[in-house]
Amino acid sequence: MPDARTKRDSPSVEFPRETDGLPQARKTELVELADGEEFELEIIPVAKRIGDATVRMLAYNGSVPGPTLKIREGSTATVHVTNQGDLEATVHWHGLRLENRYDGTHDTQAPIPVGETFTYQVHVPDPGTHWYHPHIREDYGQELGLYGNILVTPSEPGYWP
């Protein structure tokens, strides 16, 4: 049976294109998170100038890409995600080994409805560069700007040359 959440099997949907009244997309910021810290991440529509056009995009905290999250290996941050976007969403923490209930795939988490919040416990056991993005209608959310980087700094000082 086809899964309606996947790109190829999703019904055709007309999404909003209007940019009037939307905030302008901001520059991406670096957010350093300490072990045990809490962080607010909001999905919102923004207007962004690309060439000669102003287009409607989706952003994490108003920026495309979303904030770069920098956190030390072995740390855990609590991330409250509020969805003010165009459709239900999740946040998948790509490359991080998390408990299934916080992984953000449609197989392990119910979608966050528009106007609602979901709280993730994001544990980072491995150093490296990772990324976060939606796992529902990826063809729409990611293409419109819902993605961001995660930099996990190693606890061992000589890990990177």
Protein backbone atom coordinates (compact mmCIF):
# COMPACT_ATOMS: atom_id res chain seq x y z
CA MET A 1 0.00 0.00 0.00
CA PRO A 2 1.51 3.41 -0.91
CA ASP A 3 2.58 5.60 1.99
CA ALA A 4 1.05 9.09 1.57
CA ARG A 5 3.98 10.64 3.45
CA THR A 6 6.54 9.88 0.77
CA LYS A 7 7.31 12.22 -2.09
CA ARG A 8 6.40 9.98 -5.00
CA ASP A 9 3.09 8.86 -3.49
CA SER A 10 1.96 12.19 -1.99
CA PRO A 11 -1.18 13.75 -3.39
CA SER A 12 -0.80 17.02 -5.25
CA VAL A 13 -1.17 19.88 -2.79
CA GLU A 14 -1.23 23.61 -3.49
CA PHE A 15 1.06 25.33 -0.99
CA PRO A 16 1.04 29.06 -0.15
CA ARG A 17 3.22 31.35 -2.26
CA GLU A 18 2.28 34.75 -0.85
CA THR A 19 5.14 36.77 0.65
CA ASP A 20 3.25 39.89 1.81
CA GLY A 21 3.67 40.46 5.54
CA LEU A 22 6.31 37.76 6.01
CA PRO A 23 9.54 38.62 7.82
CA GLN A 24 12.67 38.71 5.67
CA ALA A 25 14.95 35.69 6.03
CA ARG A 26 17.85 36.42 8.36
CA LYS A 27 21.50 35.48 8.22
CA THR A 28 22.29 32.06 9.71
CA GLU A 29 23.69 32.24 13.21
CA LEU A 30 25.99 29.98 15.21
CA VAL A 31 24.38 28.77 18.45
CA GLU A 32 26.66 27.16 21.01
CA LEU A 33 24.81 24.78 23.32
CA ALA A 34 26.18 23.56 26.63
CA ASP A 35 25.36 20.16 28.10
CA GLY A 36 21.86 20.31 29.58
CA GLU A 37 20.94 23.56 27.84
CA GLU A 38 17.50 24.19 26.34
CA PHE A 39 16.97 25.76 22.92
CA GLU A 40 13.88 27.03 21.07
CA LEU A 41 13.67 26.14 17.36
CA GLU A 42 10.74 27.55 15.40
CA ILE A 43 9.57 26.65 11.90
CA ILE A 44 8.20 29.79 10.23
CA PRO A 45 7.53 31.09 6.71
CA VAL A 46 9.84 33.90 5.56
CA ALA A 47 10.39 36.01 2.46
CA LYS A 48 13.78 35.74 0.74
CA ARG A 49 15.17 37.66 -2.18
CA ILE A 50 16.70 35.35 -4.80
CA GLY A 51 17.90 37.17 -7.89
CA ASP A 52 15.08 39.42 -9.05
CA ALA A 53 12.36 37.55 -7.19
CA THR A 54 11.09 37.51 -3.62
CA VAL A 55 9.95 34.02 -2.73
CA ARG A 56 8.20 32.37 0.19
CA MET A 57 10.48 29.95 2.04
CA LEU A 58 10.37 28.04 5.30
CA ALA A 59 13.00 28.69 7.93
CA TYR A 60 14.25 27.50 11.28
CA ASN A 61 14.36 30.58 13.55
CA GLY A 62 13.99 32.86 10.55
CA SER A 63 17.12 31.82 8.68
CA VAL A 64 17.85 29.69 5.61
CA PRO A 65 19.70 27.50 6.40
CA GLY A 66 18.66 27.26 10.03
CA PRO A 67 21.02 28.00 12.91
CA THR A 68 24.25 26.02 13.09
CA LEU A 69 24.16 24.20 16.41
CA LYS A 70 27.57 23.69 18.04
CA ILE A 71 27.70 21.26 20.95
CA ARG A 72 30.40 19.20 22.65
CA GLU A 73 30.58 15.42 22.15
CA GLY A 74 28.69 13.52 24.86
CA SER A 75 26.36 16.43 25.61
CA THR A 76 22.58 16.47 25.55
CA ALA A 77 20.45 19.49 24.68
CA THR A 78 16.70 19.88 25.00
CA VAL A 79 15.27 21.38 21.80
CA HIS A 80 11.69 22.67 21.81
CA VAL A 81 10.46 22.76 18.20
CA THR A 82 7.39 24.89 17.49
CA ASN A 83 5.81 24.43 14.10
CA GLN A 84 4.40 27.66 12.63
CA GLY A 85 5.02 26.45 9.07
CA ASP A 86 2.69 25.43 6.27
CA LEU A 87 2.17 21.76 7.19
CA GLU A 88 2.82 19.20 9.91
CA ALA A 89 6.51 18.50 10.46
CA THR A 90 9.20 16.66 12.39
CA VAL A 91 12.90 17.37 12.86
CA HIS A 92 15.25 14.53 11.98
CA TRP A 93 18.74 14.83 13.49
CA HIS A 94 20.62 13.27 10.60
CA GLY A 95 23.66 11.21 11.58
CA LEU A 96 23.06 11.34 15.33
CA ARG A 97 22.39 8.16 17.29
CA LEU A 98 19.28 9.10 19.28
CA GLU A 99 16.47 7.30 21.04
CA ASN A 100 13.86 6.41 18.41
CA ARG A 101 11.24 8.67 19.98
CA TYR A 102 13.51 11.69 19.30
CA ASP A 103 14.81 10.66 15.87
CA GLY A 104 12.22 12.69 13.98
CA THR A 105 11.33 10.20 11.27
CA HIS A 106 7.69 9.58 10.42
CA ASP A 107 8.20 5.94 11.46
CA THR A 108 9.08 6.82 15.06
CA GLN A 109 7.34 10.12 15.78
CA ALA A 110 3.91 11.56 15.23
CA PRO A 111 4.05 14.79 13.20
CA ILE A 112 4.08 18.16 14.96
CA PRO A 113 0.83 19.87 13.89
CA VAL A 114 0.95 23.51 12.82
CA GLY A 115 0.78 25.63 15.96
CA GLU A 116 2.09 22.86 18.24
CA THR A 117 5.43 22.13 19.93
CA PHE A 118 7.44 18.93 20.37
CA THR A 119 10.41 18.58 22.72
CA TYR A 120 13.46 16.62 21.58
CA GLN A 121 16.28 15.31 23.75
CA VAL A 122 19.24 15.58 21.40
CA HIS A 123 22.22 13.57 22.62
CA VAL A 124 25.42 13.86 20.58
CA PRO A 125 27.66 10.83 21.17
CA ASP A 126 29.84 11.26 18.07
CA PRO A 127 32.03 14.18 16.97
CA GLY A 128 31.63 15.49 13.45
CA THR A 129 29.34 17.51 11.24
CA HIS A 130 25.70 16.46 11.00
CA TRP A 131 22.48 18.14 9.88
CA TYR A 132 18.83 18.47 10.77
CA HIS A 133 15.80 18.59 8.48
CA PRO A 134 12.12 17.58 8.28
CA HIS A 135 11.07 14.01 7.56
CA ILE A 136 7.56 14.77 6.36
CA ARG A 137 7.17 16.19 2.85
CA GLU A 138 10.94 16.55 2.55
CA ASP A 139 10.41 17.51 -1.08
CA TYR A 140 8.68 20.66 0.15
CA GLY A 141 10.29 21.52 3.50
CA GLN A 142 13.92 20.97 2.55
CA GLU A 143 13.55 22.63 -0.84
CA LEU A 144 12.06 25.70 0.85
CA GLY A 145 14.85 26.00 3.43
CA LEU A 146 14.25 23.65 6.35
CA TYR A 147 17.75 22.36 7.04
CA GLY A 148 20.61 23.28 9.33
CA ASN A 149 24.01 22.07 10.50
CA ILE A 150 25.13 20.48 13.75
CA LEU A 151 28.80 20.70 14.68
CA VAL A 152 29.73 18.24 17.42
CA THR A 153 33.14 19.17 18.80
CA PRO A 154 35.26 16.28 20.04
CA SER A 155 35.93 15.85 23.75
CA GLU A 156 39.44 14.57 22.94
CA PRO A 157 41.68 17.63 22.23
CA GLY A 158 43.77 15.90 19.54
CA TYR A 159 40.85 14.31 17.69
CA TRP A 160 41.16 16.63 14.70
CA PRO A 161 44.63 17.50 13.40
